[in-house]
Amino acid sequence: MGHNCEAKLTYRRGAFVRIPSQSFLMGSTEFYPEEGPVVERKVSTFQVATRPVTNSDFLQFVESTGYVTTAEQPFDLGVGSNTGGSLCFRPSTEPVDLSDWTNWWEWTPGANWRQPLGAGSEIGGIMDHPVVHVSHIDALAFCDWSGTRLMTEVEWECAARGGLEGKRFAWGDEYLVDGELMANSWQGRFPYLNYGAKGYMGTSPVGTFPPNGFGLYDMTGNVWEWTSSQWKGSHESHCDCSPKLEDDLQEMWVVKGGSHLCAPEYCIRYRPAARSSQETASSTSHIGFRVAKN
């Protein structure tokens, strides 16, 4: 796919923030083992979008190229069916075993970025929400079209910290600031009771919560974000990879930032140091991405 002049219009006029070359302390030993050890890393100057890619952005991409996402393509479930679909969060009706993710995740035929809750759902009223149900393959295709790229894990954590060294959250060490939520995360008891963050039970419009010190919105909470870094079990060794559209479907990539489903009793990952892994073709109702450029 070639770059498109129309695509570049999407991210003009203050849509990117320049992150200057710097060293910072990456990781944490306070929460989950895969976040350690704390190491010093350096990034070169780069630019990052102030917000995740939205449904509106992704629609422009699809209308320009005719692109079909991974979730929209037939997928053999091995049970006599062959249909497109994706994983959707389904709240339980009561407390459940938190060690079994199948208690709240469900393969949903017809679920994709256009139908985020499954067949028959729409994005008409949430065009300013982050796009979801996008695989690593889909994110790279959008980047190729728009003349951008995904951040490496190191770049992502540097950007998310917003200049704060060694803090738990993107805004400091305390979960609330003056009694106010600073990120879209689960409010209540996971996975059966959610009061909603600022009234939003799922994703929220980008920019609903305050930006970090670099002026970046939704770096933690709302949706997980794909990076260009292959998954490693710790920070002791890392590589800044150059992914291609032909990624091995079994390859594992780092996602960062947590989502609206993160809750203290299960997943306190709405933090810059938090990290998880996903396969190349994975898509869910809480994974999106943002773009960067040199």
Protein backbone atom coordinates (compact mmCIF):
# COMPACT_ATOMS: atom_id res chain seq x y z
CA MET A 1 0.00 0.00 0.00
CA GLY A 2 1.29 3.43 -0.85
CA HIS A 3 1.01 6.54 1.23
CA ASN A 4 -1.86 8.87 0.54
CA CYS A 5 -1.92 12.69 0.69
CA GLU A 6 -5.48 12.56 1.99
CA ALA A 7 -4.32 10.35 4.85
CA LYS A 8 -1.82 12.93 6.05
CA LEU A 9 -4.64 15.43 6.57
CA THR A 10 -5.90 13.31 9.46
CA TYR A 11 -3.02 14.22 11.76
CA ARG A 12 -2.28 17.84 11.00
CA ARG A 13 -2.47 20.90 13.26
CA GLY A 14 -1.20 19.96 16.67
CA ALA A 15 -2.14 16.30 16.52
CA PHE A 16 1.43 15.24 17.35
CA VAL A 17 3.68 16.08 20.30
CA ARG A 18 7.47 16.10 19.99
CA ILE A 19 9.22 13.93 22.57
CA PRO A 20 12.84 15.07 22.87
CA SER A 21 15.78 12.68 23.11
CA GLN A 22 16.17 11.58 26.72
CA SER A 23 17.04 8.84 29.18
CA PHE A 24 14.55 7.56 31.73
CA LEU A 25 14.00 4.74 34.20
CA MET A 26 11.77 2.11 32.63
CA GLY A 27 9.80 -0.55 34.46
CA SER A 28 8.61 -1.25 38.00
CA THR A 29 9.14 -3.91 40.67
CA GLU A 30 6.04 -2.93 42.66
CA PHE A 31 3.25 -4.79 40.85
CA TYR A 32 3.85 -7.58 38.29
CA PRO A 33 7.09 -9.51 37.64
CA GLU A 34 7.10 -8.90 33.88
CA GLU A 35 7.44 -5.16 34.52
CA GLY A 36 10.92 -5.51 35.99
CA PRO A 37 13.70 -4.99 36.44
CA VAL A 38 13.88 -1.20 36.47
CA VAL A 39 16.41 -0.24 33.80
CA GLU A 40 17.70 2.98 32.27
CA ARG A 41 16.69 3.38 28.64
CA LYS A 42 17.24 6.13 26.09
CA VAL A 43 15.00 7.31 23.27
CA SER A 44 15.84 9.47 20.30
CA THR A 45 13.59 12.38 19.40
CA PHE A 46 10.25 11.31 17.94
CA GLN A 47 6.69 12.53 17.59
CA VAL A 48 3.58 10.81 18.95
CA ALA A 49 -0.12 11.40 18.33
CA THR A 50 -1.86 13.15 21.21
CA ARG A 51 -4.66 10.57 21.16
CA PRO A 52 -5.38 6.99 20.10
CA VAL A 53 -6.69 6.34 16.59
CA THR A 54 -10.47 6.81 16.69
CA ASN A 55 -13.35 5.17 14.87
CA SER A 56 -13.53 8.29 12.72
CA ASP A 57 -9.85 8.01 11.78
CA PHE A 58 -10.14 4.34 10.99
CA LEU A 59 -13.25 4.87 8.88
CA GLN A 60 -11.33 7.38 6.76
CA PHE A 61 -8.60 4.77 6.26
CA VAL A 62 -11.06 2.03 5.27
CA GLU A 63 -13.01 4.27 2.91
CA SER A 64 -9.78 5.35 1.24
CA THR A 65 -8.32 1.86 0.80
CA GLY A 66 -11.12 -0.70 1.07
CA TYR A 67 -9.13 -2.44 3.80
CA VAL A 68 -10.73 -5.45 5.52
CA THR A 69 -9.62 -6.07 9.11
CA THR A 70 -8.57 -9.39 10.57
CA ALA A 71 -11.80 -9.66 12.58
CA GLU A 72 -13.90 -9.20 9.43
CA GLN A 73 -12.25 -12.10 7.63
CA PRO A 74 -13.48 -15.71 7.90
CA PHE A 75 -11.87 -17.60 10.74
CA ASP A 76 -12.12 -21.36 11.22
CA LEU A 77 -13.18 -22.06 14.80
CA GLY A 78 -12.85 -25.79 14.30
CA VAL A 79 -16.50 -26.42 15.14
CA GLY A 80 -17.94 -26.50 11.67
CA SER A 81 -18.23 -22.74 11.28
CA ASN A 82 -16.17 -20.27 9.34
CA THR A 83 -17.01 -16.69 10.14
CA GLY A 84 -15.47 -13.40 11.11
CA GLY A 85 -15.55 -12.26 14.70
CA SER A 86 -13.59 -11.13 17.72
CA LEU A 87 -13.43 -11.38 21.50
CA CYS A 88 -15.94 -9.24 23.40
CA PHE A 89 -16.11 -8.52 27.10
CA ARG A 90 -19.28 -9.84 28.72
CA PRO A 91 -19.79 -8.91 32.39
CA SER A 92 -20.77 -11.72 34.71
CA THR A 93 -23.89 -11.50 36.87
CA GLU A 94 -22.08 -12.35 40.09
CA PRO A 95 -18.57 -12.85 41.51
CA VAL A 96 -16.55 -15.41 39.53
CA ASP A 97 -13.17 -17.11 39.59
CA LEU A 98 -10.74 -14.36 38.51
CA SER A 99 -8.17 -16.92 37.39
CA ASP A 100 -10.38 -17.97 34.47
CA TRP A 101 -10.69 -15.24 31.83
CA THR A 102 -13.37 -17.19 29.97
CA ASN A 103 -15.77 -16.07 32.71
CA TRP A 104 -15.94 -12.64 31.03
CA TRP A 105 -14.50 -12.98 27.51
CA GLU A 106 -16.60 -14.44 24.70
CA TRP A 107 -15.82 -15.14 21.06
CA THR A 108 -18.50 -13.14 19.24
CA PRO A 109 -19.31 -13.80 15.57
CA GLY A 110 -19.72 -10.54 13.69
CA ALA A 111 -17.81 -8.46 16.22
CA ASN A 112 -15.36 -6.08 14.54
CA TRP A 113 -14.41 -2.41 14.54
CA ARG A 114 -17.72 -1.45 12.86
CA GLN A 115 -19.76 -3.63 15.23
CA PRO A 116 -17.81 -3.46 18.51
CA LEU A 117 -20.42 -5.28 20.61
CA GLY A 118 -21.25 -7.87 17.97
CA ALA A 119 -23.54 -8.18 14.97
CA GLY A 120 -26.08 -5.38 14.87
CA SER A 121 -24.13 -2.93 17.04
CA GLU A 122 -22.87 0.33 15.53
CA ILE A 123 -20.23 3.04 15.94
CA GLY A 124 -22.43 5.92 14.76
CA GLY A 125 -22.59 7.47 18.21
CA ILE A 126 -18.99 6.74 19.21
CA MET A 127 -16.94 8.05 16.32
CA ASP A 128 -14.68 9.90 18.78
CA HIS A 129 -13.95 6.73 20.80
CA PRO A 130 -10.78 4.69 20.18
CA VAL A 131 -11.13 2.08 17.46
CA VAL A 132 -11.10 -1.48 18.85
CA HIS A 133 -11.11 -5.03 17.45
CA VAL A 134 -7.96 -4.17 15.49
CA SER A 135 -5.10 -6.65 15.25
CA HIS A 136 -1.40 -5.84 15.06
CA ILE A 137 -1.73 -6.47 11.31
CA ASP A 138 -4.52 -3.87 11.07
CA ALA A 139 -2.56 -1.30 13.05
CA LEU A 140 0.46 -1.68 10.75
CA ALA A 141 -1.77 -1.33 7.69
CA PHE A 142 -3.15 1.97 9.03
CA CYS A 143 0.39 3.16 9.72
CA ASP A 144 1.48 2.28 6.19
CA TRP A 145 -1.45 4.25 4.78
CA SER A 146 -0.95 7.31 6.97
CA GLY A 147 2.84 7.51 6.74
CA THR A 148 3.26 6.82 10.46
CA ARG A 149 4.42 3.94 12.65
CA LEU A 150 3.82 2.29 16.00
CA MET A 151 5.99 3.24 18.96
CA THR A 152 8.48 0.80 20.41
CA GLU A 153 7.76 -0.29 23.96
CA VAL A 154 10.57 1.95 25.21
CA GLU A 155 9.20 4.97 23.36
CA TRP A 156 5.68 4.19 24.56
CA GLU A 157 6.62 4.07 28.24
CA CYS A 158 8.73 7.20 27.96
CA ALA A 159 5.82 9.06 26.36
CA ALA A 160 3.31 7.71 28.89
CA ARG A 161 5.36 8.85 31.86
CA GLY A 162 5.11 12.42 30.66
CA GLY A 163 8.41 13.40 32.25
CA LEU A 164 7.61 11.96 35.69
CA GLU A 165 10.42 9.71 36.87
CA GLY A 166 9.57 6.52 38.71
CA LYS A 167 5.92 7.31 39.47
CA ARG A 168 3.19 4.66 39.67
CA PHE A 169 0.76 6.43 37.38
CA ALA A 170 1.06 8.84 34.47
CA TRP A 171 0.09 11.67 36.85
CA GLY A 172 1.88 10.69 40.09
CA ASP A 173 1.70 8.09 42.86
CA GLU A 174 -1.93 8.47 43.95
CA TYR A 175 -4.83 6.86 42.10
CA LEU A 176 -7.08 9.94 42.44
CA VAL A 177 -6.10 13.60 42.14
CA ASP A 178 -8.29 15.88 44.27
CA GLY A 179 -10.86 13.11 44.29
CA GLU A 180 -10.99 12.93 40.48
CA LEU A 181 -10.36 9.96 38.19
CA MET A 182 -7.44 10.50 35.84
CA ALA A 183 -8.00 7.52 33.52
CA ASN A 184 -10.84 5.35 32.25
CA SER A 185 -10.67 2.21 34.40
CA TRP A 186 -13.15 -0.19 36.01
CA GLN A 187 -15.20 1.30 38.86
CA GLY A 188 -16.80 -1.25 41.14
CA ARG A 189 -16.19 -4.99 41.47
CA PHE A 190 -14.73 -6.80 38.48
CA PRO A 191 -16.23 -8.37 36.38
CA TYR A 192 -19.85 -8.10 37.50
CA LEU A 193 -20.38 -4.57 38.90
CA ASN A 194 -19.24 -1.42 37.09
CA TYR A 195 -20.41 2.07 37.97
CA GLY A 196 -18.55 3.52 35.00
CA ALA A 197 -15.71 6.04 34.81
CA LYS A 198 -17.25 9.48 34.34
CA GLY A 199 -20.38 7.65 33.24
CA TYR A 200 -18.72 5.48 30.58
CA MET A 201 -19.13 1.73 31.05
CA GLY A 202 -16.78 0.86 28.19
CA THR A 203 -14.55 3.04 26.03
CA SER A 204 -14.80 6.82 26.42
CA PRO A 205 -14.28 9.63 23.91
CA VAL A 206 -10.58 10.41 23.50
CA GLY A 207 -9.62 13.34 25.68
CA THR A 208 -12.30 12.73 28.33
CA PHE A 209 -9.62 12.42 31.00
CA PRO A 210 -6.74 14.87 31.63
CA PRO A 211 -3.54 14.65 29.55
CA ASN A 212 -0.18 13.69 31.00
CA GLY A 213 2.80 15.99 31.32
CA PHE A 214 3.57 15.75 27.59
CA GLY A 215 0.01 16.67 26.61
CA LEU A 216 -0.92 13.11 25.62
CA TYR A 217 -4.43 11.78 26.26
CA ASP A 218 -5.46 8.25 27.26
CA MET A 219 -1.95 6.88 27.55
CA THR A 220 -3.30 4.69 30.34
CA GLY A 221 -6.81 3.30 30.62
CA ASN A 222 -9.49 3.37 27.92
CA VAL A 223 -7.82 0.85 25.53
CA TRP A 224 -4.62 -1.14 25.42
CA GLU A 225 -2.28 0.02 22.64
CA TRP A 226 -0.17 -2.05 20.25
CA THR A 227 3.57 -1.36 20.07
CA SER A 228 6.19 -2.44 17.54
CA SER A 229 8.18 -4.42 20.12
CA GLN A 230 8.21 -8.19 20.30
CA TRP A 231 7.29 -9.61 23.69
CA LYS A 232 10.08 -10.38 26.14
CA GLY A 233 9.37 -11.68 29.63
CA SER A 234 11.33 -8.90 31.31
CA HIS A 235 13.27 -5.70 30.63
CA GLU A 236 16.64 -7.43 30.97
CA SER A 237 16.74 -7.86 27.20
CA HIS A 238 14.76 -5.98 24.62
CA CYS A 239 14.76 -5.26 20.93
CA ASP A 240 13.22 -2.43 18.96
CA CYS A 241 11.83 -4.35 16.04
CA SER A 242 10.74 -3.28 12.58
CA PRO A 243 7.45 -5.15 12.07
CA LYS A 244 6.17 -5.97 8.61
CA LEU A 245 2.69 -6.56 7.28
CA GLU A 246 3.59 -10.24 6.85
CA ASP A 247 4.13 -10.85 10.59
CA ASP A 248 4.09 -14.46 11.76
CA LEU A 249 0.59 -14.96 13.13
CA GLN A 250 2.01 -16.63 16.25
CA GLU A 251 4.37 -13.75 17.05
CA MET A 252 3.74 -12.05 20.39
CA TRP A 253 3.80 -8.25 20.61
CA VAL A 254 3.80 -5.89 23.57
CA VAL A 255 0.63 -3.95 24.34
CA LYS A 256 0.75 -1.10 26.83
CA GLY A 257 -1.46 1.10 28.96
CA GLY A 258 -4.26 -1.06 30.33
CA SER A 259 -7.91 -0.38 29.53
CA HIS A 260 -11.34 0.46 30.87
CA LEU A 261 -11.50 -3.15 32.14
CA CYS A 262 -8.55 -2.80 34.50
CA ALA A 263 -9.52 -3.08 38.16
CA PRO A 264 -7.39 -3.17 41.35
CA GLU A 265 -8.58 -6.66 42.36
CA TYR A 266 -7.69 -8.14 38.97
CA CYS A 267 -5.58 -5.96 36.68
CA ILE A 268 -4.04 -2.77 38.02
CA ARG A 269 -2.41 -2.04 34.68
CA TYR A 270 -3.50 1.53 33.94
CA ARG A 271 0.12 2.54 34.57
CA PRO A 272 3.07 3.43 32.30
CA ALA A 273 5.12 0.42 33.43
CA ALA A 274 2.31 -2.08 32.84
CA ARG A 275 2.66 -4.41 29.89
CA SER A 276 1.03 -7.45 28.37
CA SER A 277 1.39 -9.64 25.28
CA GLN A 278 -0.91 -10.38 22.35
CA GLU A 279 -0.56 -12.45 19.20
CA THR A 280 -0.30 -10.74 15.83
CA ALA A 281 -3.84 -11.57 14.72
CA SER A 282 -5.52 -11.02 18.09
CA SER A 283 -8.37 -8.54 18.32
CA THR A 284 -10.58 -7.70 21.28
CA SER A 285 -13.06 -5.07 22.43
CA HIS A 286 -10.38 -3.30 24.50
CA ILE A 287 -7.29 -3.13 22.26
CA GLY A 288 -6.54 -0.18 19.97
CA PHE A 289 -3.43 1.80 18.99
CA ARG A 290 -1.89 5.22 18.43
CA VAL A 291 0.66 6.30 15.89
CA ALA A 292 4.04 8.00 15.94
CA LYS A 293 6.59 9.31 13.47
CA ASN A 294 10.26 10.25 13.38
